[in-house]
């Protein structure tokens, strides 16, 4: 970014970048935070690689008479064991209790964090816990991921909304490494469940077995979180192959031929038609009778609204001996952000 330009009323209307100008009605500047460590430096305290004060599990600094906690102090990550700096009021309060207990002779310790964070961006709730896919791969994990979309309550209940969940796990055993949630529905509840599962080293199969609260106003019969875990486990075991919208976009941009099989109902297709190269429309209800019409000379990507019917179509086509088939993870709920209509 090089500059902002405003209109006659001094409202921002344009962002000037090295690649050109971007017309806009709003600019959000996310600068982040840095710990205030001036006093700590003067006191001779050790500053960690994160830029925050280095402390042990009791919040003690290298000076035995000085403790540090809150937004000026480091934490340690549960999965990596590395020092991290994630300033949150919840963390600060827990560290304060540890400091008070330790001063009083109680051997309290501040447990490692998972990096659980959540924010509201307009109507969206966005959250994460544990490692991202990139972070996990960079640390040498053999990773399997899934992206799943679903409703936070039954579709016939007036107040229901979409949630998308990405899970990151170890390929070998399904142990959960991280998760991200996004949507206008009840993301916070699912994120807290995932953070708790991560704390206790849960696997995807453990998430599937969770006895979560169910009633139509609060969840679907198979909760979107359990659906996400089931999808991940099926992909980990090779039962079905999923592909992300980002991967589809990159492969098409590189000139690769794909068969985009739109299995939505006619009214869905009419309301939001796909214009991707290689798109073929056969509704899921007709697929068993018309599957032989599908070309076999490229990867078939089954597409629906949320990914659930796409998964069903993939399994059905596999039963017909078609191996080059994958479902679009998260369906068009995710894919519409990548596909130009």
C-alpha atoms as a PDB file:
ATOM      1  CA  UNK A   1       0.000   0.000   0.000  1.00  0.00           C
ATOM      2  CA  UNK A   2       1.297   3.434  -0.952  1.00  0.00           C
ATOM      3  CA  UNK A   3      -1.515   5.890  -0.185  1.00  0.00           C
ATOM      4  CA  UNK A   4      -5.212   6.543   0.421  1.00  0.00           C
ATOM      5  CA  UNK A   5      -7.317   8.912  -1.661  1.00  0.00           C
ATOM      6  CA  UNK A   6     -10.507  10.562  -0.496  1.00  0.00           C
ATOM      7  CA  UNK A   7     -13.609  12.054  -2.077  1.00  0.00           C
ATOM      8  CA  UNK A   8     -14.921  15.607  -1.768  1.00  0.00           C
ATOM      9  CA  UNK A   9     -16.152  14.853   1.757  1.00  0.00           C
ATOM     10  CA  UNK A  10     -12.797  13.368   2.840  1.00  0.00           C
ATOM     11  CA  UNK A  11     -14.152   9.819   2.921  1.00  0.00           C
ATOM     12  CA  UNK A  12     -11.675   7.211   1.706  1.00  0.00           C
ATOM     13  CA  UNK A  13     -12.584   6.058  -1.790  1.00  0.00           C
ATOM     14  CA  UNK A  14      -9.386   4.603  -3.206  1.00  0.00           C
ATOM     15  CA  UNK A  15      -6.285   2.689  -2.089  1.00  0.00           C
ATOM     16  CA  UNK A  16      -3.135   3.203  -4.128  1.00  0.00           C
ATOM     17  CA  UNK A  17      -0.840   0.187  -4.329  1.00  0.00           C
ATOM     18  CA  UNK A  18       2.220  -0.713  -6.360  1.00  0.00           C
ATOM     19  CA  UNK A  19      -0.042  -2.860  -8.551  1.00  0.00           C
ATOM     20  CA  UNK A  20      -2.543  -0.066  -9.163  1.00  0.00           C
ATOM     21  CA  UNK A  21      -5.571   1.630  -7.589  1.00  0.00           C
ATOM     22  CA  UNK A  22      -8.368  -0.198  -5.737  1.00  0.00           C
ATOM     23  CA  UNK A  23     -11.759   1.499  -5.488  1.00  0.00           C
ATOM     24  CA  UNK A  24     -13.273   1.075  -2.022  1.00  0.00           C
ATOM     25  CA  UNK A  25     -15.750   2.447   0.487  1.00  0.00           C
ATOM     26  CA  UNK A  26     -13.900   1.272   3.567  1.00  0.00           C
ATOM     27  CA  UNK A  27     -10.360   0.461   4.693  1.00  0.00           C
ATOM     28  CA  UNK A  28      -9.544  -1.654   7.749  1.00  0.00           C
ATOM     29  CA  UNK A  29      -6.011  -1.277   9.088  1.00  0.00           C
ATOM     30  CA  UNK A  30      -4.852  -4.247  11.176  1.00  0.00           C
ATOM     31  CA  UNK A  31      -1.546  -3.258  12.739  1.00  0.00           C
ATOM     32  CA  UNK A  32      -1.392  -5.800  15.567  1.00  0.00           C
ATOM     33  CA  UNK A  33       0.177  -5.108  18.968  1.00  0.00           C
ATOM     34  CA  UNK A  34       3.643  -5.180  20.504  1.00  0.00           C
ATOM     35  CA  UNK A  35       4.395  -5.759  24.197  1.00  0.00           C
ATOM     36  CA  UNK A  36       5.514  -2.810  26.306  1.00  0.00           C
ATOM     37  CA  UNK A  37       8.846  -4.061  27.686  1.00  0.00           C
ATOM     38  CA  UNK A  38      10.711  -0.836  28.393  1.00  0.00           C
ATOM     39  CA  UNK A  39      10.595  -1.247  32.182  1.00  0.00           C
ATOM     40  CA  UNK A  40      11.532  -4.929  31.865  1.00  0.00           C
ATOM     41  CA  UNK A  41      14.648  -4.076  29.871  1.00  0.00           C
ATOM     42  CA  UNK A  42      15.673  -1.481  32.430  1.00  0.00           C
ATOM     43  CA  UNK A  43      15.249  -4.104  35.158  1.00  0.00           C
ATOM     44  CA  UNK A  44      17.529  -6.527  33.281  1.00  0.00           C
ATOM     45  CA  UNK A  45      14.826  -9.081  32.503  1.00  0.00           C
ATOM     46  CA  UNK A  46      15.293 -11.538  29.654  1.00  0.00           C
ATOM     47  CA  UNK A  47      13.262 -10.732  26.557  1.00  0.00           C
ATOM     48  CA  UNK A  48      12.269 -13.734  24.457  1.00  0.00           C
ATOM     49  CA  UNK A  49      12.365 -14.190  20.697  1.00  0.00           C
ATOM     50  CA  UNK A  50       8.718 -13.149  20.489  1.00  0.00           C
ATOM     51  CA  UNK A  51       9.595  -9.686  21.805  1.00  0.00           C
ATOM     52  CA  UNK A  52       7.793 -10.314  25.101  1.00  0.00           C
ATOM     53  CA  UNK A  53       9.209 -11.055  28.560  1.00  0.00           C
ATOM     54  CA  UNK A  54      10.489 -14.591  28.975  1.00  0.00           C
ATOM     55  CA  UNK A  55       8.865 -16.430  31.908  1.00  0.00           C
ATOM     56  CA  UNK A  56       8.737 -19.969  33.276  1.00  0.00           C
ATOM     57  CA  UNK A  57       5.586 -22.002  33.985  1.00  0.00           C
ATOM     58  CA  UNK A  58       5.073 -20.071  37.243  1.00  0.00           C
ATOM     59  CA  UNK A  59       5.331 -16.698  35.419  1.00  0.00           C
ATOM     60  CA  UNK A  60       8.724 -16.046  37.038  1.00  0.00           C
ATOM     61  CA  UNK A  61      11.302 -14.024  35.104  1.00  0.00           C
ATOM     62  CA  UNK A  62      15.072 -14.508  35.290  1.00  0.00           C
ATOM     63  CA  UNK A  63      14.954 -12.267  38.377  1.00  0.00           C
ATOM     64  CA  UNK A  64      13.543 -14.440  41.234  1.00  0.00           C
ATOM     65  CA  UNK A  65      11.916 -11.366  42.774  1.00  0.00           C
ATOM     66  CA  UNK A  66       9.962 -10.423  39.648  1.00  0.00           C
ATOM     67  CA  UNK A  67       6.991 -12.095  38.008  1.00  0.00           C
ATOM     68  CA  UNK A  68       5.487 -11.071  34.663  1.00  0.00           C
ATOM     69  CA  UNK A  69       2.047 -11.778  33.266  1.00  0.00           C
ATOM     70  CA  UNK A  70      -0.504 -10.442  30.845  1.00  0.00           C
ATOM     71  CA  UNK A  71       0.158  -8.661  27.587  1.00  0.00           C
ATOM     72  CA  UNK A  72       3.884  -8.173  28.255  1.00  0.00           C
ATOM     73  CA  UNK A  73       4.707 -11.855  28.809  1.00  0.00           C
ATOM     74  CA  UNK A  74       5.282 -14.864  26.560  1.00  0.00           C
ATOM     75  CA  UNK A  75       3.323 -18.100  26.663  1.00  0.00           C
ATOM     76  CA  UNK A  76       4.280 -21.572  25.478  1.00  0.00           C
ATOM     77  CA  UNK A  77       2.376 -23.401  22.737  1.00  0.00           C
ATOM     78  CA  UNK A  78       0.814 -26.752  23.626  1.00  0.00           C
ATOM     79  CA  UNK A  79       1.625 -28.480  20.335  1.00  0.00           C
ATOM     80  CA  UNK A  80       5.007 -27.056  19.416  1.00  0.00           C
ATOM     81  CA  UNK A  81       6.438 -26.328  22.862  1.00  0.00           C
ATOM     82  CA  UNK A  82       7.691 -23.053  21.387  1.00  0.00           C
ATOM     83  CA  UNK A  83       7.307 -19.630  23.015  1.00  0.00           C
ATOM     84  CA  UNK A  84       4.471 -17.577  21.504  1.00  0.00           C
ATOM     85  CA  UNK A  85       3.010 -14.150  22.067  1.00  0.00           C
ATOM     86  CA  UNK A  86      -0.806 -14.165  22.012  1.00  0.00           C
ATOM     87  CA  UNK A  87      -2.061 -11.309  24.216  1.00  0.00           C
ATOM     88  CA  UNK A  88      -5.600 -11.953  25.461  1.00  0.00           C
ATOM     89  CA  UNK A  89      -7.496 -10.778  28.541  1.00  0.00           C
ATOM     90  CA  UNK A  90      -8.454 -14.386  29.332  1.00  0.00           C
ATOM     91  CA  UNK A  91      -4.797 -15.406  29.351  1.00  0.00           C
ATOM     92  CA  UNK A  92      -3.794 -12.410  31.470  1.00  0.00           C
ATOM     93  CA  UNK A  93      -6.371 -13.213  34.136  1.00  0.00           C
ATOM     94  CA  UNK A  94      -5.285 -16.855  34.380  1.00  0.00           C
ATOM     95  CA  UNK A  95      -1.642 -15.804  34.610  1.00  0.00           C
ATOM     96  CA  UNK A  96      -2.540 -13.396  37.399  1.00  0.00           C
ATOM     97  CA  UNK A  97      -4.008 -16.245  39.428  1.00  0.00           C
ATOM     98  CA  UNK A  98      -0.895 -18.374  38.852  1.00  0.00           C
ATOM     99  CA  UNK A  99       1.335 -15.533  40.057  1.00  0.00           C
ATOM    100  CA  UNK A 100      -0.770 -14.959  43.178  1.00  0.00           C
ATOM    101  CA  UNK A 101      -0.866 -18.680  44.012  1.00  0.00           C
ATOM    102  CA  UNK A 102       2.881 -19.092  43.533  1.00  0.00           C
ATOM    103  CA  UNK A 103       3.652 -16.111  45.743  1.00  0.00           C
ATOM    104  CA  UNK A 104       1.412 -17.702  48.383  1.00  0.00           C
ATOM    105  CA  UNK A 105       3.361 -20.960  48.192  1.00  0.00           C
ATOM    106  CA  UNK A 106       0.889 -22.889  46.047  1.00  0.00           C
ATOM    107  CA  UNK A 107       2.755 -24.666  43.199  1.00  0.00           C
ATOM    108  CA  UNK A 108       0.469 -23.345  40.477  1.00  0.00           C
ATOM    109  CA  UNK A 109       1.565 -23.364  36.841  1.00  0.00           C
ATOM    110  CA  UNK A 110       0.282 -21.663  33.722  1.00  0.00           C
ATOM    111  CA  UNK A 111      -0.539 -24.350  31.173  1.00  0.00           C
ATOM    112  CA  UNK A 112       0.595 -24.064  27.554  1.00  0.00           C
ATOM    113  CA  UNK A 113      -1.833 -22.323  25.210  1.00  0.00           C
ATOM    114  CA  UNK A 114      -3.339 -23.549  21.951  1.00  0.00           C
ATOM    115  CA  UNK A 115      -3.570 -20.146  20.298  1.00  0.00           C
ATOM    116  CA  UNK A 116      -7.364 -20.128  20.505  1.00  0.00           C
ATOM    117  CA  UNK A 117      -8.658 -16.826  19.158  1.00  0.00           C
ATOM    118  CA  UNK A 118     -11.993 -15.528  17.911  1.00  0.00           C
ATOM    119  CA  UNK A 119     -13.225 -12.300  16.363  1.00  0.00           C
ATOM    120  CA  UNK A 120     -16.272 -10.736  14.779  1.00  0.00           C
ATOM    121  CA  UNK A 121     -15.891  -9.298  11.275  1.00  0.00           C
ATOM    122  CA  UNK A 122     -19.179  -7.622  10.361  1.00  0.00           C
ATOM    123  CA  UNK A 123     -21.706 -10.523  10.378  1.00  0.00           C
ATOM    124  CA  UNK A 124     -19.027 -13.223  10.384  1.00  0.00           C
ATOM    125  CA  UNK A 125     -17.535 -15.023  13.345  1.00  0.00           C
ATOM    126  CA  UNK A 126     -13.965 -16.160  12.638  1.00  0.00           C
ATOM    127  CA  UNK A 127     -11.908 -18.312  14.984  1.00  0.00           C
ATOM    128  CA  UNK A 128      -8.989 -20.690  15.233  1.00  0.00           C
ATOM    129  CA  UNK A 129      -7.237 -23.026  17.654  1.00  0.00           C
ATOM    130  CA  UNK A 130      -4.039 -25.059  17.420  1.00  0.00           C
ATOM    131  CA  UNK A 131      -1.908 -25.055  14.295  1.00  0.00           C
ATOM    132  CA  UNK A 132      -2.879 -23.933  10.822  1.00  0.00           C
ATOM    133  CA  UNK A 133      -2.253 -26.275   7.895  1.00  0.00           C
ATOM    134  CA  UNK A 134       0.841 -24.290   6.884  1.00  0.00           C
ATOM    135  CA  UNK A 135       2.204 -24.203  10.451  1.00  0.00           C
ATOM    136  CA  UNK A 136       1.720 -27.957  10.824  1.00  0.00           C
ATOM    137  CA  UNK A 137       3.416 -28.742   7.510  1.00  0.00           C
ATOM    138  CA  UNK A 138       6.312 -26.415   8.297  1.00  0.00           C
ATOM    139  CA  UNK A 139       6.911 -28.404  11.482  1.00  0.00           C
ATOM    140  CA  UNK A 140       7.139 -31.700   9.643  1.00  0.00           C
ATOM    141  CA  UNK A 141       3.687 -33.129  10.313  1.00  0.00           C
ATOM    142  CA  UNK A 142       2.160 -35.400   7.677  1.00  0.00           C
ATOM    143  CA  UNK A 143      -1.124 -33.542   7.459  1.00  0.00           C
ATOM    144  CA  UNK A 144      -4.657 -34.358   6.357  1.00  0.00           C
ATOM    145  CA  UNK A 145      -7.240 -31.573   6.257  1.00  0.00           C
ATOM    146  CA  UNK A 146     -10.948 -31.226   5.600  1.00  0.00           C
ATOM    147  CA  UNK A 147     -13.206 -28.250   4.915  1.00  0.00           C
ATOM    148  CA  UNK A 148     -16.880 -28.794   5.761  1.00  0.00           C
ATOM    149  CA  UNK A 149     -19.955 -26.587   5.706  1.00  0.00           C
ATOM    150  CA  UNK A 150     -23.263 -27.039   7.487  1.00  0.00           C
ATOM    151  CA  UNK A 151     -26.019 -25.434   9.516  1.00  0.00           C
ATOM    152  CA  UNK A 152     -25.849 -24.615  13.219  1.00  0.00           C
ATOM    153  CA  UNK A 153     -29.521 -25.605  13.653  1.00  0.00           C
ATOM    154  CA  UNK A 154     -32.081 -27.623  11.711  1.00  0.00           C
ATOM    155  CA  UNK A 155     -33.106 -26.089   8.379  1.00  0.00           C
ATOM    156  CA  UNK A 156     -36.792 -25.922   9.327  1.00  0.00           C
ATOM    157  CA  UNK A 157     -36.049 -23.911  12.470  1.00  0.00           C
ATOM    158  CA  UNK A 158     -36.413 -20.155  11.780  1.00  0.00           C
ATOM    159  CA  UNK A 159     -33.032 -19.161  13.200  1.00  0.00           C
ATOM    160  CA  UNK A 160     -30.389 -21.247  11.445  1.00  0.00           C
ATOM    161  CA  UNK A 161     -27.172 -20.149   9.771  1.00  0.00           C
ATOM    162  CA  UNK A 162     -24.125 -21.536   7.986  1.00  0.00           C
ATOM    163  CA  UNK A 163     -20.823 -22.550   9.543  1.00  0.00           C
ATOM    164  CA  UNK A 164     -17.639 -23.678   7.788  1.00  0.00           C
ATOM    165  CA  UNK A 165     -15.064 -25.727   9.722  1.00  0.00           C
ATOM    166  CA  UNK A 166     -11.543 -26.627   8.649  1.00  0.00           C
ATOM    167  CA  UNK A 167      -9.838 -29.433  10.575  1.00  0.00           C
ATOM    168  CA  UNK A 168      -6.127 -30.232  10.510  1.00  0.00           C
ATOM    169  CA  UNK A 169      -4.928 -33.628  11.761  1.00  0.00           C
ATOM    170  CA  UNK A 170      -2.087 -36.122  11.507  1.00  0.00           C
ATOM    171  CA  UNK A 171      -2.505 -38.517   8.593  1.00  0.00           C
ATOM    172  CA  UNK A 172      -1.095 -41.500  10.507  1.00  0.00           C
ATOM    173  CA  UNK A 173      -3.476 -41.533  13.467  1.00  0.00           C
ATOM    174  CA  UNK A 174      -6.022 -38.744  13.013  1.00  0.00           C
ATOM    175  CA  UNK A 175      -4.791 -36.734  16.011  1.00  0.00           C
ATOM    176  CA  UNK A 176      -6.211 -33.227  15.875  1.00  0.00           C
ATOM    177  CA  UNK A 177      -3.590 -30.512  15.291  1.00  0.00           C
ATOM    178  CA  UNK A 178      -5.756 -27.464  14.714  1.00  0.00           C
ATOM    179  CA  UNK A 179      -9.024 -26.049  13.471  1.00  0.00           C
ATOM    180  CA  UNK A 180     -10.587 -22.925  12.032  1.00  0.00           C
ATOM    181  CA  UNK A 181     -14.238 -21.863  12.013  1.00  0.00           C
ATOM    182  CA  UNK A 182     -16.052 -19.193  10.036  1.00  0.00           C
ATOM    183  CA  UNK A 183     -19.690 -18.267   9.533  1.00  0.00           C
ATOM    184  CA  UNK A 184     -22.668 -16.289  10.741  1.00  0.00           C
ATOM    185  CA  UNK A 185     -23.907 -19.234  12.795  1.00  0.00           C
ATOM    186  CA  UNK A 186     -22.864 -20.551  16.200  1.00  0.00           C
ATOM    187  CA  UNK A 187     -19.124 -20.851  15.595  1.00  0.00           C
ATOM    188  CA  UNK A 188     -18.000 -20.096  19.152  1.00  0.00           C
ATOM    189  CA  UNK A 189     -19.608 -23.216  20.596  1.00  0.00           C
ATOM    190  CA  UNK A 190     -17.858 -25.452  18.070  1.00  0.00           C
ATOM    191  CA  UNK A 191     -14.528 -23.689  18.504  1.00  0.00           C
ATOM    192  CA  UNK A 192     -14.639 -24.222  22.273  1.00  0.00           C
ATOM    193  CA  UNK A 193     -15.325 -27.926  21.766  1.00  0.00           C
ATOM    194  CA  UNK A 194     -12.375 -28.146  19.383  1.00  0.00           C
ATOM    195  CA  UNK A 195     -10.065 -26.296  21.777  1.00  0.00           C
ATOM    196  CA  UNK A 196     -11.054 -28.690  24.573  1.00  0.00           C
ATOM    197  CA  UNK A 197     -10.509 -31.704  22.328  1.00  0.00           C
ATOM    198  CA  UNK A 198      -7.100 -30.370  21.307  1.00  0.00           C
ATOM    199  CA  UNK A 199      -6.139 -29.928  24.965  1.00  0.00           C
ATOM    200  CA  UNK A 200      -6.644 -33.638  25.614  1.00  0.00           C
ATOM    201  CA  UNK A 201      -5.059 -34.934  22.420  1.00  0.00           C
ATOM    202  CA  UNK A 202      -8.277 -36.056  20.765  1.00  0.00           C
ATOM    203  CA  UNK A 203      -8.391 -37.783  17.400  1.00  0.00           C
ATOM    204  CA  UNK A 204     -10.974 -37.327  14.656  1.00  0.00           C
ATOM    205  CA  UNK A 205     -12.680 -40.524  15.763  1.00  0.00           C
ATOM    206  CA  UNK A 206     -13.020 -39.062  19.275  1.00  0.00           C
ATOM    207  CA  UNK A 207     -14.797 -36.010  17.859  1.00  0.00           C
ATOM    208  CA  UNK A 208     -17.196 -38.291  16.000  1.00  0.00           C
ATOM    209  CA  UNK A 209     -18.105 -40.008  19.292  1.00  0.00           C
ATOM    210  CA  UNK A 210     -18.838 -36.781  21.210  1.00  0.00           C
ATOM    211  CA  UNK A 211     -22.248 -36.674  22.900  1.00  0.00           C
ATOM    212  CA  UNK A 212     -23.058 -33.061  22.005  1.00  0.00           C
ATOM    213  CA  UNK A 213     -26.243 -31.267  23.004  1.00  0.00           C
ATOM    214  CA  UNK A 214     -28.999 -31.694  20.426  1.00  0.00           C
ATOM    215  CA  UNK A 215     -32.360 -30.066  19.888  1.00  0.00           C
ATOM    216  CA  UNK A 216     -33.528 -28.476  16.619  1.00  0.00           C
ATOM    217  CA  UNK A 217     -32.975 -24.857  17.784  1.00  0.00           C
ATOM    218  CA  UNK A 218     -29.337 -25.600  18.672  1.00  0.00           C
ATOM    219  CA  UNK A 219     -27.942 -28.171  16.246  1.00  0.00           C
ATOM    220  CA  UNK A 220     -28.694 -30.540  13.404  1.00  0.00           C
ATOM    221  CA  UNK A 221     -29.151 -34.231  14.201  1.00  0.00           C
ATOM    222  CA  UNK A 222     -25.532 -34.741  13.161  1.00  0.00           C
ATOM    223  CA  UNK A 223     -23.823 -31.603  14.398  1.00  0.00           C
ATOM    224  CA  UNK A 224     -21.745 -29.698  11.851  1.00  0.00           C
ATOM    225  CA  UNK A 225     -18.662 -30.379  14.002  1.00  0.00           C
ATOM    226  CA  UNK A 226     -19.253 -34.139  13.966  1.00  0.00           C
ATOM    227  CA  UNK A 227     -19.923 -33.921  10.225  1.00  0.00           C
ATOM    228  CA  UNK A 228     -16.552 -32.175   9.821  1.00  0.00           C
ATOM    229  CA  UNK A 229     -14.790 -34.875  11.840  1.00  0.00           C
ATOM    230  CA  UNK A 230     -16.490 -37.656   9.879  1.00  0.00           C
ATOM    231  CA  UNK A 231     -15.421 -36.045   6.613  1.00  0.00           C
ATOM    232  CA  UNK A 232     -11.843 -35.757   7.843  1.00  0.00           C
ATOM    233  CA  UNK A 233     -11.739 -39.377   8.981  1.00  0.00           C
ATOM    234  CA  UNK A 234     -13.219 -40.631   5.696  1.00  0.00           C
ATOM    235  CA  UNK A 235     -10.606 -38.681   3.755  1.00  0.00           C
ATOM    236  CA  UNK A 236      -7.816 -39.876   6.054  1.00  0.00           C
ATOM    237  CA  UNK A 237      -8.820 -43.494   5.447  1.00  0.00           C
ATOM    238  CA  UNK A 238      -9.094 -42.955   1.709  1.00  0.00           C
ATOM    239  CA  UNK A 239     -12.829 -43.682   1.586  1.00  0.00           C
ATOM    240  CA  UNK A 240     -13.394 -40.543  -0.480  1.00  0.00           C
ATOM    241  CA  UNK A 241     -11.205 -37.881  -2.023  1.00  0.00           C
ATOM    242  CA  UNK A 242     -11.945 -34.226  -1.416  1.00  0.00           C
ATOM    243  CA  UNK A 243     -10.569 -31.193  -3.225  1.00  0.00           C
ATOM    244  CA  UNK A 244     -10.555 -27.567  -2.108  1.00  0.00           C
ATOM    245  CA  UNK A 245     -11.970 -24.709  -4.144  1.00  0.00           C
ATOM    246  CA  UNK A 246      -8.530 -23.090  -4.081  1.00  0.00           C
ATOM    247  CA  UNK A 247      -6.988 -26.208  -5.623  1.00  0.00           C
ATOM    248  CA  UNK A 248      -9.678 -26.350  -8.314  1.00  0.00           C
ATOM    249  CA  UNK A 249      -9.093 -22.700  -9.194  1.00  0.00           C
ATOM    250  CA  UNK A 250      -5.322 -23.158  -9.427  1.00  0.00           C
ATOM    251  CA  UNK A 251      -5.594 -26.258 -11.606  1.00  0.00           C
ATOM    252  CA  UNK A 252      -8.024 -24.612 -14.007  1.00  0.00           C
ATOM    253  CA  UNK A 253      -5.839 -21.488 -14.179  1.00  0.00           C
ATOM    254  CA  UNK A 254      -2.878 -23.707 -15.056  1.00  0.00           C
ATOM    255  CA  UNK A 255      -4.815 -25.069 -18.027  1.00  0.00           C
ATOM    256  CA  UNK A 256      -5.633 -28.464 -16.550  1.00  0.00           C
ATOM    257  CA  UNK A 257      -8.811 -30.100 -17.796  1.00  0.00           C
ATOM    258  CA  UNK A 258     -11.388 -30.925 -15.096  1.00  0.00           C
ATOM    259  CA  UNK A 259     -14.950 -32.184 -15.284  1.00  0.00           C
ATOM    260  CA  UNK A 260     -16.946 -29.984 -12.901  1.00  0.00           C
ATOM    261  CA  UNK A 261     -20.038 -32.073 -12.184  1.00  0.00           C
ATOM    262  CA  UNK A 262     -22.802 -29.843 -10.785  1.00  0.00           C
ATOM    263  CA  UNK A 263     -25.243 -32.173  -8.998  1.00  0.00           C
ATOM    264  CA  UNK A 264     -27.562 -29.522  -7.578  1.00  0.00           C
ATOM    265  CA  UNK A 265     -31.292 -29.363  -8.240  1.00  0.00           C
ATOM    266  CA  UNK A 266     -32.478 -27.342 -11.274  1.00  0.00           C
ATOM    267  CA  UNK A 267     -33.766 -24.412  -9.191  1.00  0.00           C
ATOM    268  CA  UNK A 268     -30.403 -24.160  -7.414  1.00  0.00           C
ATOM    269  CA  UNK A 269     -28.507 -24.181 -10.683  1.00  0.00           C
ATOM    270  CA  UNK A 270     -30.823 -21.566 -12.190  1.00  0.00           C
ATOM    271  CA  UNK A 271     -30.407 -19.272  -9.174  1.00  0.00           C
ATOM    272  CA  UNK A 272     -26.607 -19.567  -9.122  1.00  0.00           C
ATOM    273  CA  UNK A 273     -25.236 -21.152 -12.330  1.00  0.00           C
ATOM    274  CA  UNK A 274     -21.584 -22.208 -12.544  1.00  0.00           C
ATOM    275  CA  UNK A 275     -19.550 -20.806 -15.421  1.00  0.00           C
ATOM    276  CA  UNK A 276     -16.375 -22.825 -14.860  1.00  0.00           C
ATOM    277  CA  UNK A 277     -14.746 -24.488 -17.841  1.00  0.00           C
ATOM    278  CA  UNK A 278     -15.785 -28.125 -18.101  1.00  0.00           C
ATOM    279  CA  UNK A 279     -19.028 -27.770 -16.106  1.00  0.00           C
ATOM    280  CA  UNK A 280     -21.620 -30.507 -16.581  1.00  0.00           C
ATOM    281  CA  UNK A 281     -25.019 -30.508 -14.838  1.00  0.00           C
ATOM    282  CA  UNK A 282     -26.610 -33.772 -13.682  1.00  0.00           C
ATOM    283  CA  UNK A 283     -28.788 -33.609 -10.554  1.00  0.00           C
ATOM    284  CA  UNK A 284     -27.993 -36.079  -7.797  1.00  0.00           C
ATOM    285  CA  UNK A 285     -31.405 -37.695  -8.234  1.00  0.00           C
ATOM    286  CA  UNK A 286     -30.578 -38.506 -11.873  1.00  0.00           C
ATOM    287  CA  UNK A 287     -26.973 -39.511 -11.385  1.00  0.00           C
ATOM    288  CA  UNK A 288     -27.565 -43.261 -10.988  1.00  0.00           C
ATOM    289  CA  UNK A 289     -29.271 -43.368 -14.388  1.00  0.00           C
ATOM    290  CA  UNK A 290     -26.979 -40.908 -16.195  1.00  0.00           C
ATOM    291  CA  UNK A 291     -23.530 -41.552 -14.726  1.00  0.00           C
ATOM    292  CA  UNK A 292     -22.281 -43.120 -17.958  1.00  0.00           C
ATOM    293  CA  UNK A 293     -22.627 -39.723 -19.681  1.00  0.00           C
ATOM    294  CA  UNK A 294     -19.766 -38.348 -17.585  1.00  0.00           C
ATOM    295  CA  UNK A 295     -16.407 -38.144 -19.414  1.00  0.00           C
ATOM    296  CA  UNK A 296     -13.576 -40.164 -17.838  1.00  0.00           C
ATOM    297  CA  UNK A 297     -10.564 -38.375 -19.353  1.00  0.00           C
ATOM    298  CA  UNK A 298     -10.013 -36.010 -16.410  1.00  0.00           C
ATOM    299  CA  UNK A 299     -10.655 -35.615 -12.702  1.00  0.00           C
ATOM    300  CA  UNK A 300     -14.376 -35.336 -11.936  1.00  0.00           C
ATOM    301  CA  UNK A 301     -15.188 -32.745  -9.228  1.00  0.00           C
ATOM    302  CA  UNK A 302     -18.679 -33.139  -7.763  1.00  0.00           C
ATOM    303  CA  UNK A 303     -20.194 -29.814  -6.708  1.00  0.00           C
ATOM    304  CA  UNK A 304     -23.213 -28.988  -4.542  1.00  0.00           C
ATOM    305  CA  UNK A 305     -24.217 -26.294  -2.052  1.00  0.00           C
ATOM    306  CA  UNK A 306     -22.491 -27.524   1.105  1.00  0.00           C
ATOM    307  CA  UNK A 307     -20.423 -30.506  -0.021  1.00  0.00           C
ATOM    308  CA  UNK A 308     -22.575 -33.208   1.573  1.00  0.00           C
ATOM    309  CA  UNK A 309     -24.356 -34.275  -1.633  1.00  0.00           C
ATOM    310  CA  UNK A 310     -21.062 -33.938  -3.486  1.00  0.00           C
ATOM    311  CA  UNK A 311     -19.587 -36.486  -1.101  1.00  0.00           C
ATOM    312  CA  UNK A 312     -22.537 -38.825  -1.721  1.00  0.00           C
ATOM    313  CA  UNK A 313     -22.077 -38.462  -5.469  1.00  0.00           C
ATOM    314  CA  UNK A 314     -18.361 -39.221  -5.179  1.00  0.00           C
ATOM    315  CA  UNK A 315     -19.055 -42.424  -3.263  1.00  0.00           C
ATOM    316  CA  UNK A 316     -21.698 -43.469  -5.797  1.00  0.00           C
ATOM    317  CA  UNK A 317     -19.365 -42.880  -8.757  1.00  0.00           C
ATOM    318  CA  UNK A 318     -16.588 -44.777  -6.992  1.00  0.00           C
ATOM    319  CA  UNK A 319     -18.970 -47.721  -6.654  1.00  0.00           C
ATOM    320  CA  UNK A 320     -19.290 -47.638 -10.446  1.00  0.00           C
ATOM    321  CA  UNK A 321     -15.535 -48.087 -10.779  1.00  0.00           C
ATOM    322  CA  UNK A 322     -14.643 -44.429 -11.374  1.00  0.00           C
ATOM    323  CA  UNK A 323     -11.513 -43.629  -9.384  1.00  0.00           C
ATOM    324  CA  UNK A 324     -10.765 -40.122 -10.684  1.00  0.00           C
ATOM    325  CA  UNK A 325     -13.456 -38.333  -8.688  1.00  0.00           C
ATOM    326  CA  UNK A 326     -13.372 -35.875  -5.784  1.00  0.00           C
ATOM    327  CA  UNK A 327     -16.012 -33.809  -4.008  1.00  0.00           C
ATOM    328  CA  UNK A 328     -15.678 -30.051  -3.584  1.00  0.00           C
ATOM    329  CA  UNK A 329     -14.981 -29.560   0.115  1.00  0.00           C
ATOM    330  CA  UNK A 330     -17.442 -27.143   1.718  1.00  0.00           C
ATOM    331  CA  UNK A 331     -19.423 -26.965  -1.533  1.00  0.00           C
ATOM    332  CA  UNK A 332     -20.282 -23.644  -3.124  1.00  0.00           C
ATOM    333  CA  UNK A 333     -20.654 -22.153   0.342  1.00  0.00           C
ATOM    334  CA  UNK A 334     -16.836 -22.012   0.202  1.00  0.00           C
ATOM    335  CA  UNK A 335     -16.306 -22.285  -3.544  1.00  0.00           C
ATOM    336  CA  UNK A 336     -18.266 -19.141  -4.413  1.00  0.00           C
ATOM    337  CA  UNK A 337     -15.444 -17.103  -2.859  1.00  0.00           C
ATOM    338  CA  UNK A 338     -13.023 -18.578  -5.439  1.00  0.00           C
ATOM    339  CA  UNK A 339     -15.164 -19.146  -8.536  1.00  0.00           C
ATOM    340  CA  UNK A 340     -15.986 -16.145 -10.714  1.00  0.00           C
ATOM    341  CA  UNK A 341     -19.627 -16.278 -11.709  1.00  0.00           C
END
